Amino acid sequence: MRIFIRPLLFVLTGVFVLTACGGSTAAPATQDNSPADVKIMVGGLNKQIYIPNKLAEILGYFKEQNLNVTLIDEGSGQASEEEVIAGNVDAGSGAFSHVLELQPKGKFMQQVVQFQIAPGEAEMVDATKAGTIKSAADLKGKNLGVTSIGSGTHTISLALLGRAGLSGTDAKFVAVGAGNTFIAAMQQHVIDAGMTTEPTISRLLKTGTGKVLIDLRTPATTRA
């Protein structure tokens, strides 16, 4: 997926299924045509951006391909790629940016499925601070929530700071996960703003805890 951040065409996503290049540990189908066992670690099964994993399971698409798939829930997409590299799972569903970051280290992975055409994320701001934080430039000196350091949300946040003329050291990144832990961090004012996805975004809006600062949920708002 491409995030159009002028003037840079930034390649990034949190919604790719990844496999170890040339080294998948998935068991091949047996001669009696019994299903192959495949473990896929997902960077948050409760996140909307990773719904295709669960839909494929529920709708029987894995079975149609003669696969017996086990979906493993993990809070961060970064961890899913690390587990693939370690050989503990056969595939990981996470950010494509991790694939690029691993290549200079001599660790190669291959994208096999793209889920979306927009990041599906939003930079949310603490509603009590929305009056003073009105753009990415206002994030300077602030505590910013991300799923984990090095995660896709962290990479997107760095890109947004760069677009505003800031560096990664101009803000403090705090690993707060997603869902309940992200919401609690904003309610307790541990973070001033943060990058997250649905359904966390809608939950923050419904309770009035947070407001959307930068919307990356659709191609149109991402290009804005």
Foldseek 3Di string as FASTA:
>chain_A
DWQPQPPDTDAKAFFFKKFFPPDFPWDDQDPVLAAIEFEEEEQACQFPSHVVVVCCVVVVVCVVVRHDYDYHYHLFQLVRVVCNQVNVGGIYTTMPVSQVVCVVVVGHMDTDDGRDDWRQKFKKFFLVCCVQDQALLSQFAWEEEDQDVVGRQNVVNQVRCVSNVHHPVRHHYDNQGADPSVLVCLVVVVGRIYMDHPPRQVVCVVVVRIDTRQDGNDSVSSND
